[in-house]
C-alpha cells in the first residue's frame, strides 16, 4: 500500500517525524525544568543497610536507634537521614467494608 500510494506514504512519514520530534521536545523541556533540579547531587547519595548473618542472610534496613547512632558518630558524610516506605490512610477510615470497595 505504501509503494502504490506515495501521497499516503509521505503523510505517514511526516506524521511519524512530527510525533517523534514533538515527543523529544516535550521530554527535553520536562527533563530540564522539572527533573534536573531534583537529580543534582544524586551521585552523592548512599544507602546504608546492615546484615546480621546469624539471623538473616539478606541485608536489611537500619533501625531508628542505629540511624541516631550514625548521626552522632558521623565523620564521613555531610549528613545522615532515614526514610521509610509505607502506606497511609488519610480518609480516617481504619477498616473498610468490602461492599464499599466494589463498584
N, C-alpha and C. Protein backbone atom coordinates (compact mmCIF):
# COMPACT_ATOMS: atom_id res chain seq x y z
N UNK A 1 0.83 -1.19 0.00
CA UNK A 1 0.00 0.00 0.00
C UNK A 1 0.87 1.25 0.00
N UNK A 2 1.99 1.21 0.73
CA UNK A 2 2.85 2.38 0.78
C UNK A 2 3.52 2.64 -0.57
N UNK A 3 3.92 1.60 -1.27
CA UNK A 3 4.58 1.77 -2.56
C UNK A 3 3.59 2.23 -3.64
N UNK A 4 2.36 1.79 -3.56
CA UNK A 4 1.34 2.15 -4.55
C UNK A 4 0.82 3.57 -4.36
N UNK A 5 0.87 4.09 -3.15
CA UNK A 5 0.28 5.38 -2.87
C UNK A 5 1.33 6.29 -2.21
N UNK A 6 2.12 7.03 -3.01
CA UNK A 6 3.19 7.84 -2.44
C UNK A 6 2.67 8.99 -1.57
N UNK A 7 1.49 9.50 -1.83
CA UNK A 7 0.92 10.56 -1.01
C UNK A 7 0.66 10.08 0.41
N UNK A 8 0.10 8.89 0.54
CA UNK A 8 -0.15 8.30 1.85
C UNK A 8 1.16 8.05 2.58
N UNK A 9 2.16 7.56 1.83
CA UNK A 9 3.48 7.31 2.42
C UNK A 9 4.08 8.59 2.97
N UNK A 10 3.99 9.67 2.20
CA UNK A 10 4.56 10.95 2.64
C UNK A 10 3.84 11.45 3.89
N UNK A 11 2.53 11.34 3.93
CA UNK A 11 1.77 11.77 5.11
C UNK A 11 2.12 10.91 6.33
N UNK A 12 2.26 9.61 6.14
CA UNK A 12 2.60 8.71 7.24
C UNK A 12 3.99 9.03 7.79
N UNK A 13 4.96 9.22 6.92
CA UNK A 13 6.32 9.53 7.35
C UNK A 13 6.36 10.89 8.03
N UNK A 14 5.68 11.87 7.48
CA UNK A 14 5.65 13.21 8.08
C UNK A 14 4.97 13.18 9.45
N UNK A 15 3.90 12.42 9.59
CA UNK A 15 3.21 12.30 10.87
C UNK A 15 4.12 11.66 11.91
N UNK A 16 4.82 10.59 11.53
CA UNK A 16 5.76 9.96 12.45
C UNK A 16 6.88 10.91 12.84
N UNK A 17 7.42 11.65 11.88
CA UNK A 17 8.51 12.58 12.17
C UNK A 17 8.05 13.68 13.12
N UNK A 18 6.87 14.24 12.88
CA UNK A 18 6.36 15.27 13.77
C UNK A 18 6.07 14.73 15.17
N UNK A 19 5.54 13.53 15.25
CA UNK A 19 5.25 12.92 16.55
C UNK A 19 6.52 12.66 17.34
N UNK A 20 7.53 12.11 16.69
CA UNK A 20 8.80 11.84 17.37
C UNK A 20 9.47 13.15 17.77
N UNK A 21 9.44 14.14 16.91
CA UNK A 21 10.04 15.44 17.22
C UNK A 21 9.34 16.13 18.38
N UNK A 22 8.01 16.10 18.39
CA UNK A 22 7.25 16.72 19.48
C UNK A 22 7.51 15.99 20.80
N UNK A 23 7.56 14.67 20.75
CA UNK A 23 7.84 13.89 21.95
C UNK A 23 9.22 14.22 22.50
N UNK A 24 10.21 14.33 21.64
CA UNK A 24 11.56 14.67 22.07
C UNK A 24 11.61 16.07 22.67
N UNK A 25 10.94 17.02 22.03
CA UNK A 25 10.95 18.39 22.53
C UNK A 25 10.27 18.49 23.89
N UNK A 26 9.14 17.84 24.06
CA UNK A 26 8.41 17.89 25.34
C UNK A 26 9.24 17.22 26.44
N UNK A 27 9.85 16.07 26.14
CA UNK A 27 10.67 15.41 27.14
C UNK A 27 11.87 16.27 27.52
N UNK A 28 12.48 16.94 26.56
CA UNK A 28 13.63 17.79 26.86
C UNK A 28 13.24 18.93 27.80
N UNK A 29 12.08 19.53 27.57
CA UNK A 29 11.62 20.62 28.43
C UNK A 29 11.31 20.09 29.83
N UNK A 30 10.59 18.98 29.92
CA UNK A 30 10.24 18.40 31.22
C UNK A 30 11.50 18.01 31.98
N UNK A 31 12.45 17.41 31.30
CA UNK A 31 13.69 16.99 31.95
C UNK A 31 14.48 18.19 32.46
N UNK A 32 14.55 19.26 31.67
CA UNK A 32 15.33 20.43 32.06
C UNK A 32 14.66 21.23 33.17
N UNK A 33 13.33 21.34 33.13
CA UNK A 33 12.62 22.20 34.07
C UNK A 33 12.22 21.47 35.35
N UNK A 34 11.78 20.22 35.22
CA UNK A 34 11.22 19.51 36.37
C UNK A 34 12.19 18.49 36.97
N UNK A 35 12.79 17.66 36.14
CA UNK A 35 13.58 16.56 36.67
C UNK A 35 15.00 16.94 37.09
N UNK A 36 15.68 17.74 36.32
CA UNK A 36 17.08 18.04 36.59
C UNK A 36 17.33 18.68 37.96
N UNK A 37 16.50 19.62 38.43
CA UNK A 37 16.77 20.18 39.76
C UNK A 37 16.73 19.14 40.88
N UNK A 38 15.93 18.11 40.74
CA UNK A 38 15.84 17.10 41.78
C UNK A 38 16.95 16.07 41.70
N UNK A 39 17.63 15.99 40.57
CA UNK A 39 18.67 14.99 40.39
C UNK A 39 20.06 15.51 40.70
N UNK A 40 20.20 16.77 41.03
CA UNK A 40 21.52 17.30 41.35
C UNK A 40 22.02 16.69 42.65
N UNK A 41 23.23 16.18 42.60
CA UNK A 41 23.82 15.56 43.77
C UNK A 41 23.38 14.13 44.01
N UNK A 42 22.61 13.55 43.12
CA UNK A 42 22.15 12.18 43.34
C UNK A 42 23.31 11.18 43.26
N UNK A 43 24.42 11.57 42.65
CA UNK A 43 25.56 10.68 42.62
C UNK A 43 26.28 10.63 43.97
N UNK A 44 25.87 11.48 44.90
CA UNK A 44 26.48 11.52 46.22
C UNK A 44 25.63 10.83 47.28
N UNK A 45 24.51 10.24 46.89
CA UNK A 45 23.63 9.56 47.84
C UNK A 45 24.14 8.15 48.12
N UNK A 46 24.00 7.71 49.36
CA UNK A 46 24.44 6.39 49.77
C UNK A 46 23.30 5.73 50.54
N UNK A 47 23.06 4.46 50.29
CA UNK A 47 22.06 3.69 51.03
C UNK A 47 22.80 2.76 51.98
N UNK A 48 22.52 2.89 53.26
CA UNK A 48 23.18 2.07 54.27
C UNK A 48 22.23 0.97 54.71
N UNK A 49 22.70 -0.26 54.65
CA UNK A 49 21.95 -1.41 55.16
C UNK A 49 22.86 -2.19 56.08
N UNK A 50 22.26 -3.01 56.90
CA UNK A 50 23.07 -3.84 57.78
C UNK A 50 22.73 -5.30 57.54
N UNK A 51 23.68 -6.15 57.88
CA UNK A 51 23.48 -7.58 57.69
C UNK A 51 23.93 -8.32 58.93
N UNK A 52 23.06 -9.16 59.42
CA UNK A 52 23.36 -10.00 60.58
C UNK A 52 23.26 -11.45 60.10
N UNK A 53 24.38 -12.04 59.71
CA UNK A 53 24.35 -13.37 59.08
C UNK A 53 23.72 -14.46 59.93
N UNK A 54 23.83 -14.34 61.24
CA UNK A 54 23.26 -15.40 62.09
C UNK A 54 21.74 -15.36 62.14
N UNK A 55 21.15 -14.19 61.78
CA UNK A 55 19.69 -14.06 61.83
C UNK A 55 19.09 -14.10 60.42
N UNK A 56 19.56 -13.21 59.55
CA UNK A 56 19.02 -13.10 58.19
C UNK A 56 20.19 -13.02 57.23
N UNK A 57 20.10 -13.76 56.14
CA UNK A 57 21.20 -13.78 55.17
C UNK A 57 21.22 -12.52 54.29
N UNK A 58 20.06 -11.90 54.10
CA UNK A 58 19.98 -10.73 53.22
C UNK A 58 20.18 -9.44 54.00
N UNK A 59 20.74 -8.41 53.35
CA UNK A 59 20.84 -7.11 54.03
C UNK A 59 19.45 -6.56 54.35
N UNK A 60 19.34 -5.88 55.48
CA UNK A 60 18.05 -5.33 55.89
C UNK A 60 18.22 -3.85 56.23
N UNK A 61 17.10 -3.18 56.35
CA UNK A 61 17.14 -1.75 56.66
C UNK A 61 17.68 -1.52 58.06
N UNK A 62 18.19 -0.33 58.26
CA UNK A 62 18.78 0.04 59.54
C UNK A 62 17.66 0.55 60.46
N UNK A 63 17.68 0.14 61.72
CA UNK A 63 16.65 0.56 62.67
C UNK A 63 16.92 1.99 63.15
N UNK A 64 15.91 2.62 63.72
CA UNK A 64 15.99 4.03 64.13
C UNK A 64 17.11 4.30 65.14
N UNK A 65 17.29 3.47 66.17
CA UNK A 65 18.40 3.75 67.09
C UNK A 65 19.78 3.73 66.41
N UNK A 66 19.94 2.85 65.42
CA UNK A 66 21.21 2.82 64.69
C UNK A 66 21.40 4.08 63.86
N UNK A 67 20.33 4.60 63.26
CA UNK A 67 20.43 5.84 62.50
C UNK A 67 20.86 6.98 63.41
N UNK A 68 20.28 7.06 64.59
CA UNK A 68 20.67 8.11 65.55
C UNK A 68 22.15 7.96 65.93
N UNK A 69 22.58 6.73 66.12
CA UNK A 69 23.98 6.48 66.43
C UNK A 69 24.89 6.89 65.28
N UNK A 70 24.48 6.59 64.05
CA UNK A 70 25.25 7.02 62.87
C UNK A 70 25.34 8.54 62.81
N UNK A 71 24.24 9.22 63.10
CA UNK A 71 24.23 10.68 63.07
C UNK A 71 25.20 11.25 64.11
N UNK A 72 25.24 10.67 65.27
CA UNK A 72 26.12 11.17 66.34
C UNK A 72 27.60 10.92 66.04
N UNK A 73 27.89 9.77 65.46
CA UNK A 73 29.28 9.39 65.23
C UNK A 73 29.77 9.70 63.82
N UNK A 74 28.97 10.35 63.02
CA UNK A 74 29.31 10.61 61.62
C UNK A 74 30.52 11.52 61.50
N UNK A 75 31.54 11.04 60.79
CA UNK A 75 32.71 11.84 60.47
C UNK A 75 33.02 11.80 58.98
N UNK A 76 32.20 11.11 58.22
CA UNK A 76 32.47 10.90 56.80
C UNK A 76 31.45 11.61 55.91
N UNK A 77 30.19 11.50 56.23
CA UNK A 77 29.12 12.02 55.38
C UNK A 77 28.75 13.44 55.76
N UNK A 78 28.22 14.17 54.78
CA UNK A 78 27.75 15.53 55.03
C UNK A 78 26.60 15.51 56.03
N UNK A 79 25.70 14.55 55.88
CA UNK A 79 24.60 14.37 56.83
C UNK A 79 24.09 12.94 56.70
N UNK A 80 23.35 12.52 57.70
CA UNK A 80 22.75 11.18 57.71
C UNK A 80 21.26 11.35 57.96
N UNK A 81 20.45 10.71 57.13
CA UNK A 81 19.00 10.80 57.27
C UNK A 81 18.41 9.41 57.05
N UNK A 82 17.16 9.25 57.39
CA UNK A 82 16.47 7.98 57.23
C UNK A 82 15.14 8.21 56.53
N UNK A 83 14.65 7.16 55.89
CA UNK A 83 13.32 7.21 55.28
C UNK A 83 12.67 5.85 55.48
N UNK A 84 11.37 5.83 55.30
CA UNK A 84 10.61 4.60 55.50
C UNK A 84 9.55 4.50 54.41
N UNK A 85 9.54 3.36 53.73
CA UNK A 85 8.47 3.10 52.78
C UNK A 85 7.24 2.66 53.55
N UNK A 86 6.10 3.15 53.16
CA UNK A 86 4.89 2.74 53.86
C UNK A 86 3.65 3.28 53.18
N UNK A 87 2.53 2.88 53.70
CA UNK A 87 1.25 3.34 53.19
C UNK A 87 0.53 4.09 54.29
N UNK A 88 -0.29 5.03 53.89
CA UNK A 88 -1.06 5.79 54.86
C UNK A 88 -2.50 5.90 54.38
N UNK A 89 -3.41 5.92 55.32
CA UNK A 89 -4.83 6.09 55.02
C UNK A 89 -5.26 7.42 55.62
N UNK A 90 -5.45 8.41 54.75
CA UNK A 90 -5.81 9.74 55.21
C UNK A 90 -7.31 9.98 55.23
N UNK A 91 -8.08 8.94 54.92
CA UNK A 91 -9.53 9.10 54.87
C UNK A 91 -10.16 9.06 56.26
N UNK A 92 -9.43 8.55 57.25
CA UNK A 92 -9.99 8.43 58.58
C UNK A 92 -10.71 7.11 58.80
N UNK A 93 -10.81 6.32 57.76
CA UNK A 93 -11.47 5.02 57.87
C UNK A 93 -10.41 3.96 58.13
N UNK A 94 -10.41 3.38 59.29
CA UNK A 94 -9.38 2.39 59.61
C UNK A 94 -9.69 1.06 58.94
N UNK A 95 -10.90 0.60 59.07
CA UNK A 95 -11.30 -0.65 58.43
C UNK A 95 -12.34 -0.34 57.36
N UNK A 96 -12.18 -0.97 56.22
CA UNK A 96 -13.11 -0.71 55.12
C UNK A 96 -14.01 -1.93 54.93
N UNK A 97 -15.24 -1.63 54.71
CA UNK A 97 -16.21 -2.68 54.43
C UNK A 97 -16.00 -3.14 53.00
N UNK A 98 -16.05 -4.44 52.76
CA UNK A 98 -15.85 -4.99 51.43
C UNK A 98 -16.87 -4.45 50.43
N UNK A 99 -18.07 -4.11 50.88
CA UNK A 99 -19.09 -3.60 49.98
C UNK A 99 -18.73 -2.21 49.48
N UNK A 100 -17.93 -1.46 50.24
CA UNK A 100 -17.54 -0.12 49.82
C UNK A 100 -16.47 -0.16 48.74
N UNK A 101 -15.75 -1.25 48.65
CA UNK A 101 -14.66 -1.34 47.68
C UNK A 101 -15.11 -1.81 46.31
N UNK A 102 -16.32 -2.35 46.23
CA UNK A 102 -16.83 -2.81 44.94
C UNK A 102 -17.64 -1.69 44.29
N UNK A 103 -17.56 -1.66 42.98
CA UNK A 103 -18.27 -0.59 42.26
C UNK A 103 -19.70 -0.99 41.96
